[in-house]
Amino acid sequence: MAWPPQLRELKGDLGVADDRDDVALATVLGAAVEFVEQARGGDFNFTADPASTLPTPTALLFLGTVRLAGRWFNRRRSPDGLIDMGELGATRVPSVDPDIERMLGIGRFRAPMVG
């Protein structure tokens, strides 16, 4: 998988077949890629520089970035952090997703840093 993830990968992960949300999806994907590159800068060779000794982004990082973008896209539908569940009432949408943080190696899943 070539870095960065493309719109088709995000749409495939979300099961989106049409193009009506392409602008919004591309926006969140670009933001997610930028976020991951900043958060994991120095850990991976994001630019495919042949002189770099850093590893290329992994499949796990790739998928985590796609899932983060999907989460941000879906989160726009619940700006107050709540989702209406009909007869069951409303439920809170968590602000973080441990699975995504684990995939990206960020937050509490970030390796200890020395220096």
PDB file of N, CA and C in Angstrom:
ATOM      1  N   MET A   1       0.842  -1.183   0.000  1.00  0.00           N
ATOM      2  CA  MET A   1       0.000   0.000   0.000  1.00  0.00           C
ATOM      3  C   MET A   1       0.886   1.244   0.000  1.00  0.00           C
ATOM      4  N   ALA A   2       0.621   2.089  -0.937  1.00  0.00           N
ATOM      5  CA  ALA A   2       1.399   3.324  -1.043  1.00  0.00           C
ATOM      6  C   ALA A   2       0.803   4.395  -0.132  1.00  0.00           C
ATOM      7  N   TRP A   3       1.682   5.094   0.548  1.00  0.00           N
ATOM      8  CA  TRP A   3       1.250   6.203   1.414  1.00  0.00           C
ATOM      9  C   TRP A   3       1.101   7.438   0.554  1.00  0.00           C
ATOM     10  N   PRO A   4       0.123   8.290   0.799  1.00  0.00           N
ATOM     11  CA  PRO A   4      -0.941   8.213   1.789  1.00  0.00           C
ATOM     12  C   PRO A   4      -2.161   7.466   1.253  1.00  0.00           C
ATOM     13  N   PRO A   5      -3.084   7.102   2.147  1.00  0.00           N
ATOM     14  CA  PRO A   5      -4.331   6.480   1.697  1.00  0.00           C
ATOM     15  C   PRO A   5      -5.075   7.429   0.749  1.00  0.00           C
ATOM     16  N   GLN A   6      -5.759   6.852  -0.201  1.00  0.00           N
ATOM     17  CA  GLN A   6      -6.507   7.634  -1.187  1.00  0.00           C
ATOM     18  C   GLN A   6      -8.001   7.575  -0.888  1.00  0.00           C
ATOM     19  N   LEU A   7      -8.733   8.463  -1.536  1.00  0.00           N
ATOM     20  CA  LEU A   7     -10.183   8.556  -1.334  1.00  0.00           C
ATOM     21  C   LEU A   7     -10.865   7.216  -1.586  1.00  0.00           C
ATOM     22  N   ARG A   8     -10.433   6.473  -2.585  1.00  0.00           N
ATOM     23  CA  ARG A   8     -11.080   5.184  -2.897  1.00  0.00           C
ATOM     24  C   ARG A   8     -10.959   4.206  -1.728  1.00  0.00           C
ATOM     25  N   GLU A   9      -9.836   4.235  -1.005  1.00  0.00           N
ATOM     26  CA  GLU A   9      -9.678   3.352   0.148  1.00  0.00           C
ATOM     27  C   GLU A   9     -10.629   3.744   1.275  1.00  0.00           C
ATOM     28  N   LEU A  10     -10.780   5.041   1.506  1.00  0.00           N
ATOM     29  CA  LEU A  10     -11.708   5.509   2.540  1.00  0.00           C
ATOM     30  C   LEU A  10     -13.140   5.153   2.167  1.00  0.00           C
ATOM     31  N   LYS A  11     -13.513   5.393   0.927  1.00  0.00           N
ATOM     32  CA  LYS A  11     -14.871   5.075   0.496  1.00  0.00           C
ATOM     33  C   LYS A  11     -15.137   3.576   0.577  1.00  0.00           C
ATOM     34  N   GLY A  12     -14.148   2.773   0.231  1.00  0.00           N
ATOM     35  CA  GLY A  12     -14.301   1.324   0.331  1.00  0.00           C
ATOM     36  C   GLY A  12     -14.487   0.878   1.766  1.00  0.00           C
ATOM     37  N   ASP A  13     -13.723   1.482   2.688  1.00  0.00           N
ATOM     38  CA  ASP A  13     -13.834   1.115   4.095  1.00  0.00           C
ATOM     39  C   ASP A  13     -15.187   1.516   4.671  1.00  0.00           C
ATOM     40  N   LEU A  14     -15.720   2.642   4.210  1.00  0.00           N
ATOM     41  CA  LEU A  14     -17.017   3.119   4.698  1.00  0.00           C
ATOM     42  C   LEU A  14     -18.196   2.501   3.946  1.00  0.00           C
ATOM     43  N   GLY A  15     -17.915   1.814   2.844  1.00  0.00           N
ATOM     44  CA  GLY A  15     -19.000   1.242   2.045  1.00  0.00           C
ATOM     45  C   GLY A  15     -19.762   2.286   1.254  1.00  0.00           C
ATOM     46  N   VAL A  16     -19.082   3.347   0.856  1.00  0.00           N
ATOM     47  CA  VAL A  16     -19.704   4.435   0.096  1.00  0.00           C
ATOM     48  C   VAL A  16     -19.465   4.176  -1.391  1.00  0.00           C
ATOM     49  N   ALA A  17     -20.563   4.118  -2.172  1.00  0.00           N
ATOM     50  CA  ALA A  17     -20.437   3.830  -3.596  1.00  0.00           C
ATOM     51  C   ALA A  17     -20.642   5.061  -4.470  1.00  0.00           C
ATOM     52  N   ASP A  18     -21.333   6.071  -3.963  1.00  0.00           N
ATOM     53  CA  ASP A  18     -21.610   7.253  -4.781  1.00  0.00           C
ATOM     54  C   ASP A  18     -20.550   8.337  -4.524  1.00  0.00           C
ATOM     55  N   ASP A  19     -20.712   9.465  -5.194  1.00  0.00           N
ATOM     56  CA  ASP A  19     -19.719  10.525  -5.068  1.00  0.00           C
ATOM     57  C   ASP A  19     -20.261  11.803  -4.422  1.00  0.00           C
ATOM     58  N   ARG A  20     -21.421  11.732  -3.808  1.00  0.00           N
ATOM     59  CA  ARG A  20     -22.024  12.953  -3.267  1.00  0.00           C
ATOM     60  C   ARG A  20     -21.256  13.527  -2.079  1.00  0.00           C
ATOM     61  N   ASP A  21     -20.511  12.711  -1.333  1.00  0.00           N
ATOM     62  CA  ASP A  21     -19.753  13.204  -0.175  1.00  0.00           C
ATOM     63  C   ASP A  21     -18.251  13.255  -0.435  1.00  0.00           C
ATOM     64  N   ASP A  22     -17.844  13.181  -1.706  1.00  0.00           N
ATOM     65  CA  ASP A  22     -16.417  13.116  -2.025  1.00  0.00           C
ATOM     66  C   ASP A  22     -15.624  14.304  -1.478  1.00  0.00           C
ATOM     67  N   VAL A  23     -16.176  15.494  -1.544  1.00  0.00           N
ATOM     68  CA  VAL A  23     -15.448  16.675  -1.057  1.00  0.00           C
ATOM     69  C   VAL A  23     -15.229  16.574   0.450  1.00  0.00           C
ATOM     70  N   ALA A  24     -16.276  16.232   1.194  1.00  0.00           N
ATOM     71  CA  ALA A  24     -16.152  16.103   2.652  1.00  0.00           C
ATOM     72  C   ALA A  24     -15.223  14.949   3.021  1.00  0.00           C
ATOM     73  N   LEU A  25     -15.325  13.840   2.305  1.00  0.00           N
ATOM     74  CA  LEU A  25     -14.457  12.695   2.578  1.00  0.00           C
ATOM     75  C   LEU A  25     -12.999  13.030   2.289  1.00  0.00           C
ATOM     76  N   ALA A  26     -12.743  13.709   1.187  1.00  0.00           N
ATOM     77  CA  ALA A  26     -11.371  14.093   0.846  1.00  0.00           C
ATOM     78  C   ALA A  26     -10.804  15.058   1.883  1.00  0.00           C
ATOM     79  N   THR A  27     -11.638  15.933   2.407  1.00  0.00           N
ATOM     80  CA  THR A  27     -11.195  16.885   3.426  1.00  0.00           C
ATOM     81  C   THR A  27     -10.780  16.177   4.708  1.00  0.00           C
ATOM     82  N   VAL A  28     -11.620  15.270   5.195  1.00  0.00           N
ATOM     83  CA  VAL A  28     -11.272  14.562   6.436  1.00  0.00           C
ATOM     84  C   VAL A  28     -10.093  13.616   6.223  1.00  0.00           C
ATOM     85  N   LEU A  29      -9.995  13.022   5.046  1.00  0.00           N
ATOM     86  CA  LEU A  29      -8.860  12.143   4.775  1.00  0.00           C
ATOM     87  C   LEU A  29      -7.559  12.935   4.765  1.00  0.00           C
ATOM     88  N   GLY A  30      -7.564  14.090   4.122  1.00  0.00           N
ATOM     89  CA  GLY A  30      -6.372  14.940   4.120  1.00  0.00           C
ATOM     90  C   GLY A  30      -5.973  15.353   5.522  1.00  0.00           C
ATOM     91  N   ALA A  31      -6.957  15.701   6.347  1.00  0.00           N
ATOM     92  CA  ALA A  31      -6.677  16.083   7.732  1.00  0.00           C
ATOM     93  C   ALA A  31      -6.143  14.900   8.536  1.00  0.00           C
ATOM     94  N   ALA A  32      -6.703  13.715   8.316  1.00  0.00           N
ATOM     95  CA  ALA A  32      -6.240  12.525   9.037  1.00  0.00           C
ATOM     96  C   ALA A  32      -4.808  12.173   8.645  1.00  0.00           C
ATOM     97  N   VAL A  33      -4.491  12.271   7.367  1.00  0.00           N
ATOM     98  CA  VAL A  33      -3.124  12.002   6.906  1.00  0.00           C
ATOM     99  C   VAL A  33      -2.160  12.991   7.542  1.00  0.00           C
ATOM    100  N   GLU A  34      -2.525  14.262   7.532  1.00  0.00           N
ATOM    101  CA  GLU A  34      -1.669  15.281   8.147  1.00  0.00           C
ATOM    102  C   GLU A  34      -1.489  15.026   9.644  1.00  0.00           C
ATOM    103  N   PHE A  35      -2.556  14.679  10.324  1.00  0.00           N
ATOM    104  CA  PHE A  35      -2.491  14.394  11.760  1.00  0.00           C
ATOM    105  C   PHE A  35      -1.539  13.233  12.043  1.00  0.00           C
ATOM    106  N   VAL A  36      -1.677  12.160  11.277  1.00  0.00           N
ATOM    107  CA  VAL A  36      -0.834  10.979  11.490  1.00  0.00           C
ATOM    108  C   VAL A  36       0.626  11.300  11.177  1.00  0.00           C
ATOM    109  N   GLU A  37       0.859  12.038  10.115  1.00  0.00           N
ATOM    110  CA  GLU A  37       2.237  12.394   9.769  1.00  0.00           C
ATOM    111  C   GLU A  37       2.874  13.260  10.857  1.00  0.00           C
ATOM    112  N   GLN A  38       2.093  14.146  11.462  1.00  0.00           N
ATOM    113  CA  GLN A  38       2.623  14.962  12.558  1.00  0.00           C
ATOM    114  C   GLN A  38       2.829  14.124  13.817  1.00  0.00           C
ATOM    115  N   ALA A  39       1.858  13.291  14.132  1.00  0.00           N
ATOM    116  CA  ALA A  39       1.934  12.500  15.363  1.00  0.00           C
ATOM    117  C   ALA A  39       3.032  11.446  15.296  1.00  0.00           C
ATOM    118  N   ARG A  40       3.294  10.908  14.127  1.00  0.00           N
ATOM    119  CA  ARG A  40       4.275   9.829  13.976  1.00  0.00           C
ATOM    120  C   ARG A  40       5.490  10.255  13.156  1.00  0.00           C
ATOM    121  N   GLY A  41       5.663  11.572  12.975  1.00  0.00           N
ATOM    122  CA  GLY A  41       6.824  12.082  12.253  1.00  0.00           C
ATOM    123  C   GLY A  41       8.108  11.596  12.914  1.00  0.00           C
ATOM    124  N   GLY A  42       9.064  11.198  12.135  1.00  0.00           N
ATOM    125  CA  GLY A  42      10.302  10.657  12.672  1.00  0.00           C
ATOM    126  C   GLY A  42      10.253   9.164  12.917  1.00  0.00           C
ATOM    127  N   ASP A  43       9.078   8.565  12.818  1.00  0.00           N
ATOM    128  CA  ASP A  43       8.928   7.120  13.018  1.00  0.00           C
ATOM    129  C   ASP A  43       8.830   6.356  11.695  1.00  0.00           C
ATOM    130  N   PHE A  44       8.339   7.041  10.651  1.00  0.00           N
ATOM    131  CA  PHE A  44       8.118   6.400   9.362  1.00  0.00           C
ATOM    132  C   PHE A  44       8.591   7.304   8.226  1.00  0.00           C
ATOM    133  N   ASN A  45       8.919   6.690   7.108  1.00  0.00           N
ATOM    134  CA  ASN A  45       9.327   7.402   5.905  1.00  0.00           C
ATOM    135  C   ASN A  45       8.073   7.710   5.085  1.00  0.00           C
ATOM    136  N   PHE A  46       7.389   8.787   5.432  1.00  0.00           N
ATOM    137  CA  PHE A  46       6.134   9.132   4.770  1.00  0.00           C
ATOM    138  C   PHE A  46       6.348   9.650   3.347  1.00  0.00           C
ATOM    139  N   THR A  47       7.534  10.155   3.043  1.00  0.00           N
ATOM    140  CA  THR A  47       7.793  10.775   1.740  1.00  0.00           C
ATOM    141  C   THR A  47       8.397   9.813   0.726  1.00  0.00           C
ATOM    142  N   ALA A  48       8.595   8.560   1.094  1.00  0.00           N
ATOM    143  CA  ALA A  48       9.216   7.546   0.227  1.00  0.00           C
ATOM    144  C   ALA A  48      10.612   7.976  -0.221  1.00  0.00           C
ATOM    145  N   ASP A  49      11.313   8.659   0.660  1.00  0.00           N
ATOM    146  CA  ASP A  49      12.680   9.089   0.380  1.00  0.00           C
ATOM    147  C   ASP A  49      13.591   7.858   0.370  1.00  0.00           C
ATOM    148  N   PRO A  50      14.243   7.573  -0.769  1.00  0.00           N
ATOM    149  CA  PRO A  50      15.089   6.374  -0.834  1.00  0.00           C
ATOM    150  C   PRO A  50      16.313   6.445   0.082  1.00  0.00           C
ATOM    151  N   ALA A  51      16.712   7.633   0.488  1.00  0.00           N
ATOM    152  CA  ALA A  51      17.879   7.778   1.366  1.00  0.00           C
ATOM    153  C   ALA A  51      17.508   7.613   2.842  1.00  0.00           C
ATOM    154  N   SER A  52      16.214   7.549   3.141  1.00  0.00           N
ATOM    155  CA  SER A  52      15.770   7.453   4.534  1.00  0.00           C
ATOM    156  C   SER A  52      16.023   6.052   5.097  1.00  0.00           C
ATOM    157  N   THR A  53      16.375   6.020   6.361  1.00  0.00           N
ATOM    158  CA  THR A  53      16.535   4.738   7.061  1.00  0.00           C
ATOM    159  C   THR A  53      15.277   4.356   7.831  1.00  0.00           C
ATOM    160  N   LEU A  54      14.279   5.209   7.794  1.00  0.00           N
ATOM    161  CA  LEU A  54      13.022   4.932   8.491  1.00  0.00           C
ATOM    162  C   LEU A  54      12.203   3.907   7.717  1.00  0.00           C
ATOM    163  N   PRO A  55      11.396   3.112   8.407  1.00  0.00           N
ATOM    164  CA  PRO A  55      10.542   2.141   7.707  1.00  0.00           C
ATOM    165  C   PRO A  55       9.396   2.840   6.977  1.00  0.00           C
ATOM    166  N   THR A  56       8.876   2.179   5.968  1.00  0.00           N
ATOM    167  CA  THR A  56       7.699   2.706   5.280  1.00  0.00           C
ATOM    168  C   THR A  56       6.482   2.533   6.193  1.00  0.00           C
ATOM    169  N   PRO A  57       5.451   3.344   6.002  1.00  0.00           N
ATOM    170  CA  PRO A  57       4.247   3.177   6.815  1.00  0.00           C
ATOM    171  C   PRO A  57       3.687   1.761   6.673  1.00  0.00           C
ATOM    172  N   THR A  58       3.275   1.200   7.783  1.00  0.00           N
ATOM    173  CA  THR A  58       2.767  -0.166   7.814  1.00  0.00           C
ATOM    174  C   THR A  58       1.305  -0.232   7.392  1.00  0.00           C
ATOM    175  N   ALA A  59       0.849  -1.443   7.124  1.00  0.00           N
ATOM    176  CA  ALA A  59      -0.568  -1.655   6.795  1.00  0.00           C
ATOM    177  C   ALA A  59      -1.456  -1.243   7.966  1.00  0.00           C
ATOM    178  N   LEU A  60      -0.980  -1.450   9.181  1.00  0.00           N
ATOM    179  CA  LEU A  60      -1.743  -1.069  10.371  1.00  0.00           C
ATOM    180  C   LEU A  60      -1.891   0.451  10.462  1.00  0.00           C
ATOM    181  N   LEU A  61      -0.826   1.184  10.187  1.00  0.00           N
ATOM    182  CA  LEU A  61      -0.875   2.643  10.205  1.00  0.00           C
ATOM    183  C   LEU A  61      -1.787   3.147   9.088  1.00  0.00           C
ATOM    184  N   PHE A  62      -1.703   2.514   7.928  1.00  0.00           N
ATOM    185  CA  PHE A  62      -2.545   2.861   6.787  1.00  0.00           C
ATOM    186  C   PHE A  62      -4.021   2.707   7.149  1.00  0.00           C
ATOM    187  N   LEU A  63      -4.377   1.532   7.676  1.00  0.00           N
ATOM    188  CA  LEU A  63      -5.769   1.267   8.060  1.00  0.00           C
ATOM    189  C   LEU A  63      -6.211   2.195   9.187  1.00  0.00           C
ATOM    190  N   GLY A  64      -5.352   2.429  10.154  1.00  0.00           N
ATOM    191  CA  GLY A  64      -5.694   3.344  11.241  1.00  0.00           C
ATOM    192  C   GLY A  64      -6.000   4.741  10.742  1.00  0.00           C
ATOM    193  N   THR A  65      -5.249   5.196   9.744  1.00  0.00           N
ATOM    194  CA  THR A  65      -5.488   6.519   9.159  1.00  0.00           C
ATOM    195  C   THR A  65      -6.827   6.561   8.442  1.00  0.00           C
ATOM    196  N   VAL A  66      -7.134   5.506   7.696  1.00  0.00           N
ATOM    197  CA  VAL A  66      -8.420   5.419   7.002  1.00  0.00           C
ATOM    198  C   VAL A  66      -9.561   5.401   8.015  1.00  0.00           C
ATOM    199  N   ARG A  67      -9.418   4.626   9.075  1.00  0.00           N
ATOM    200  CA  ARG A  67     -10.475   4.537  10.100  1.00  0.00           C
ATOM    201  C   ARG A  67     -10.627   5.861  10.857  1.00  0.00           C
ATOM    202  N   LEU A  68      -9.522   6.551  11.106  1.00  0.00           N
ATOM    203  CA  LEU A  68      -9.595   7.863  11.760  1.00  0.00           C
ATOM    204  C   LEU A  68     -10.371   8.838  10.886  1.00  0.00           C
ATOM    205  N   ALA A  69     -10.087   8.849   9.597  1.00  0.00           N
ATOM    206  CA  ALA A  69     -10.814   9.725   8.679  1.00  0.00           C
ATOM    207  C   ALA A  69     -12.301   9.366   8.663  1.00  0.00           C
ATOM    208  N   GLY A  70     -12.613   8.080   8.645  1.00  0.00           N
ATOM    209  CA  GLY A  70     -14.014   7.661   8.685  1.00  0.00           C
ATOM    210  C   GLY A  70     -14.711   8.085   9.958  1.00  0.00           C
ATOM    211  N   ARG A  71     -13.999   7.992  11.070  1.00  0.00           N
ATOM    212  CA  ARG A  71     -14.568   8.417  12.353  1.00  0.00           C
ATOM    213  C   ARG A  71     -14.855   9.912  12.343  1.00  0.00           C
ATOM    214  N   TRP A  72     -13.905  10.687  11.855  1.00  0.00           N
ATOM    215  CA  TRP A  72     -14.106  12.133  11.785  1.00  0.00           C
ATOM    216  C   TRP A  72     -15.256  12.490  10.847  1.00  0.00           C
ATOM    217  N   PHE A  73     -15.383  11.749   9.733  1.00  0.00           N
ATOM    218  CA  PHE A  73     -16.479  12.006   8.805  1.00  0.00           C
ATOM    219  C   PHE A  73     -17.817  11.726   9.466  1.00  0.00           C
ATOM    220  N   ASN A  74     -17.928  10.610  10.164  1.00  0.00           N
ATOM    221  CA  ASN A  74     -19.182  10.268  10.834  1.00  0.00           C
ATOM    222  C   ASN A  74     -19.453  11.145  12.039  1.00  0.00           C
ATOM    223  N   ARG A  75     -18.422  11.617  12.684  1.00  0.00           N
ATOM    224  CA  ARG A  75     -18.579  12.449  13.885  1.00  0.00           C
ATOM    225  C   ARG A  75     -19.271  13.776  13.572  1.00  0.00           C
ATOM    226  N   ARG A  76     -19.149  14.241  12.328  1.00  0.00           N
ATOM    227  CA  ARG A  76     -19.780  15.531  11.973  1.00  0.00           C
ATOM    228  C   ARG A  76     -21.294  15.475  12.120  1.00  0.00           C
ATOM    229  N   ARG A  77     -21.853  14.284  12.145  1.00  0.00           N
ATOM    230  CA  ARG A  77     -23.295  14.120  12.307  1.00  0.00           C
ATOM    231  C   ARG A  77     -23.738  14.225  13.767  1.00  0.00           C
ATOM    232  N   SER A  78     -22.764  14.263  14.666  1.00  0.00           N
ATOM    233  CA  SER A  78     -23.087  14.367  16.095  1.00  0.00           C
ATOM    234  C   SER A  78     -22.178  15.407  16.755  1.00  0.00           C
ATOM    235  N   PRO A  79     -22.330  16.682  16.370  1.00  0.00           N
ATOM    236  CA  PRO A  79     -21.429  17.711  16.899  1.00  0.00           C
ATOM    237  C   PRO A  79     -21.502  17.874  18.417  1.00  0.00           C
ATOM    238  N   ASP A  80     -22.619  17.506  19.015  1.00  0.00           N
ATOM    239  CA  ASP A  80     -22.736  17.634  20.471  1.00  0.00           C
ATOM    240  C   ASP A  80     -22.292  16.356  21.192  1.00  0.00           C
ATOM    241  N   GLY A  81     -21.849  15.360  20.426  1.00  0.00           N
ATOM    242  CA  GLY A  81     -21.350  14.121  21.025  1.00  0.00           C
ATOM    243  C   GLY A  81     -22.434  13.132  21.389  1.00  0.00           C
ATOM    244  N   LEU A  82     -23.661  13.335  20.876  1.00  0.00           N
ATOM    245  CA  LEU A  82     -24.775  12.429  21.179  1.00  0.00           C
ATOM    246  C   LEU A  82     -25.397  11.912  19.893  1.00  0.00           C
ATOM    247  N   ILE A  83     -25.870  10.686  19.932  1.00  0.00           N
ATOM    248  CA  ILE A  83     -26.603  10.099  18.815  1.00  0.00           C
ATOM    249  C   ILE A  83     -27.972   9.670  19.322  1.00  0.00           C
ATOM    250  N   ASP A  84     -29.000  10.042  18.571  1.00  0.00           N
ATOM    251  CA  ASP A  84     -30.363   9.646  18.926  1.00  0.00           C
ATOM    252  C   ASP A  84     -30.576   8.206  18.499  1.00  0.00           C
ATOM    253  N   MET A  85     -31.022   7.381  19.454  1.00  0.00           N
ATOM    254  CA  MET A  85     -31.243   5.970  19.170  1.00  0.00           C
ATOM    255  C   MET A  85     -32.731   5.628  19.233  1.00  0.00           C
ATOM    256  N   GLY A  86     -33.553   6.571  18.837  1.00  0.00           N
ATOM    257  CA  GLY A  86     -34.994   6.332  18.773  1.00  0.00           C
ATOM    258  C   GLY A  86     -35.598   6.045  20.132  1.00  0.00           C
ATOM    259  N   GLU A  87     -36.267   4.914  20.253  1.00  0.00           N
ATOM    260  CA  GLU A  87     -36.944   4.534  21.500  1.00  0.00           C
ATOM    261  C   GLU A  87     -35.978   4.376  22.675  1.00  0.00           C
ATOM    262  N   LEU A  88     -34.746   4.076  22.382  1.00  0.00           N
ATOM    263  CA  LEU A  88     -33.762   3.851  23.441  1.00  0.00           C
ATOM    264  C   LEU A  88     -33.182   5.139  23.996  1.00  0.00           C
ATOM    265  N   GLY A  89     -33.521   6.265  23.371  1.00  0.00           N
ATOM    266  CA  GLY A  89     -33.004   7.554  23.840  1.00  0.00           C
ATOM    267  C   GLY A  89     -31.707   7.910  23.142  1.00  0.00           C
ATOM    268  N   ALA A  90     -30.940   8.778  23.762  1.00  0.00           N
ATOM    269  CA  ALA A  90     -29.679   9.239  23.182  1.00  0.00           C
ATOM    270  C   ALA A  90     -28.511   8.545  23.878  1.00  0.00           C
ATOM    271  N   THR A  91     -27.431   8.412  23.152  1.00  0.00           N
ATOM    272  CA  THR A  91     -26.226   7.842  23.740  1.00  0.00           C
ATOM    273  C   THR A  91     -25.035   8.711  23.376  1.00  0.00           C
ATOM    274  N   ARG A  92     -24.051   8.696  24.232  1.00  0.00           N
ATOM    275  CA  ARG A  92     -22.859   9.511  24.041  1.00  0.00           C
ATOM    276  C   ARG A  92     -21.917   8.831  23.053  1.00  0.00           C
ATOM    277  N   VAL A  93     -21.303   9.630  22.187  1.00  0.00           N
ATOM    278  CA  VAL A  93     -20.288   9.144  21.267  1.00  0.00           C
ATOM    279  C   VAL A  93     -18.937   9.418  21.918  1.00  0.00           C
ATOM    280  N   PRO A  94     -18.136   8.391  22.163  1.00  0.00           N
ATOM    281  CA  PRO A  94     -16.849   8.630  22.816  1.00  0.00           C
ATOM    282  C   PRO A  94     -15.955   9.534  21.957  1.00  0.00           C
ATOM    283  N   SER A  95     -15.158  10.355  22.618  1.00  0.00           N
ATOM    284  CA  SER A  95     -14.298  11.283  21.889  1.00  0.00           C
ATOM    285  C   SER A  95     -13.035  10.615  21.367  1.00  0.00           C
ATOM    286  N   VAL A  96     -12.696   9.455  21.873  1.00  0.00           N
ATOM    287  CA  VAL A  96     -11.528   8.724  21.387  1.00  0.00           C
ATOM    288  C   VAL A  96     -11.922   7.285  21.101  1.00  0.00           C
ATOM    289  N   ASP A  97     -11.175   6.657  20.220  1.00  0.00           N
ATOM    290  CA  ASP A  97     -11.418   5.274  19.879  1.00  0.00           C
ATOM    291  C   ASP A  97     -10.132   4.506  20.150  1.00  0.00           C
ATOM    292  N   PRO A  98     -10.117   3.671  21.199  1.00  0.00           N
ATOM    293  CA  PRO A  98      -8.883   2.965  21.537  1.00  0.00           C
ATOM    294  C   PRO A  98      -8.354   2.081  20.412  1.00  0.00           C
ATOM    295  N   ASP A  99      -9.234   1.518  19.592  1.00  0.00           N
ATOM    296  CA  ASP A  99      -8.767   0.682  18.483  1.00  0.00           C
ATOM    297  C   ASP A  99      -7.974   1.500  17.479  1.00  0.00           C
ATOM    298  N   ILE A 100      -8.464   2.688  17.160  1.00  0.00           N
ATOM    299  CA  ILE A 100      -7.751   3.553  16.218  1.00  0.00           C
ATOM    300  C   ILE A 100      -6.445   4.031  16.836  1.00  0.00           C
ATOM    301  N   GLU A 101      -6.471   4.425  18.109  1.00  0.00           N
ATOM    302  CA  GLU A 101      -5.235   4.851  18.769  1.00  0.00           C
ATOM    303  C   GLU A 101      -4.210   3.718  18.793  1.00  0.00           C
ATOM    304  N   ARG A 102      -4.675   2.498  18.995  1.00  0.00           N
ATOM    305  CA  ARG A 102      -3.771   1.345  19.006  1.00  0.00           C
ATOM    306  C   ARG A 102      -3.170   1.137  17.616  1.00  0.00           C
ATOM    307  N   MET A 103      -3.985   1.221  16.576  1.00  0.00           N
ATOM    308  CA  MET A 103      -3.487   1.054  15.211  1.00  0.00           C
ATOM    309  C   MET A 103      -2.442   2.112  14.859  1.00  0.00           C
ATOM    310  N   LEU A 104      -2.703   3.348  15.305  1.00  0.00           N
ATOM    311  CA  LEU A 104      -1.806   4.446  14.958  1.00  0.00           C
ATOM    312  C   LEU A 104      -0.622   4.566  15.913  1.00  0.00           C
ATOM    313  N   GLY A 105      -0.691   3.891  17.042  1.00  0.00           N
ATOM    314  CA  GLY A 105       0.384   4.000  18.027  1.00  0.00           C
ATOM    315  C   GLY A 105       0.461   5.382  18.630  1.00  0.00           C
ATOM    316  N   ILE A 106      -0.704   5.957  18.931  1.00  0.00           N
ATOM    317  CA  ILE A 106      -0.750   7.293  19.527  1.00  0.00           C
ATOM    318  C   ILE A 106      -1.472   7.230  20.860  1.00  0.00           C
ATOM    319  N   GLY A 107      -1.529   8.371  21.529  1.00  0.00           N
ATOM    320  CA  GLY A 107      -2.222   8.428  22.825  1.00  0.00           C
ATOM    321  C   GLY A 107      -1.559   7.502  23.824  1.00  0.00           C
ATOM    322  N   ARG A 108      -2.357   6.757  24.551  1.00  0.00           N
ATOM    323  CA  ARG A 108      -1.800   5.857  25.562  1.00  0.00           C
ATOM    324  C   ARG A 108      -1.075   4.656  24.952  1.00  0.00           C
ATOM    325  N   PHE A 109      -1.205   4.481  23.625  1.00  0.00           N
ATOM    326  CA  PHE A 109      -0.531   3.377  22.959  1.00  0.00           C
ATOM    327  C   PHE A 109       0.785   3.798  22.304  1.00  0.00           C
ATOM    328  N   ARG A 110       1.191   5.032  22.544  1.00  0.00           N
ATOM    329  CA  ARG A 110       2.463   5.527  22.028  1.00  0.00           C
ATOM    330  C   ARG A 110       3.589   4.890  22.827  1.00  0.00           C
ATOM    331  N   ALA A 111       4.612   4.436  22.124  1.00  0.00           N
ATOM    332  CA  ALA A 111       5.776   3.850  22.807  1.00  0.00           C
ATOM    333  C   ALA A 111       6.457   4.919  23.662  1.00  0.00           C
ATOM    334  N   PRO A 112       7.047   4.542  24.792  1.00  0.00           N
ATOM    335  CA  PRO A 112       7.723   5.524  25.634  1.00  0.00           C
ATOM    336  C   PRO A 112       8.845   6.227  24.853  1.00  0.00           C
ATOM    337  N   MET A 113       8.973   7.514  25.111  1.00  0.00           N
ATOM    338  CA  MET A 113       9.992   8.317  24.445  1.00  0.00           C
ATOM    339  C   MET A 113      11.057   8.676  25.450  1.00  0.00           C
ATOM    340  N   VAL A 114      12.315   8.563  25.063  1.00  0.00           N
ATOM    341  CA  VAL A 114      13.446   8.927  25.920  1.00  0.00           C
ATOM    342  C   VAL A 114      14.212  10.031  25.207  1.00  0.00           C
ATOM    343  N   GLY A 115      14.571  11.031  25.971  1.00  0.00           N
ATOM    344  CA  GLY A 115      15.379  12.058  25.327  1.00  0.00           C
ATOM    345  C   GLY A 115      15.079  13.359  25.781  1.00  0.00           C
TER     346      GLY A 115
END
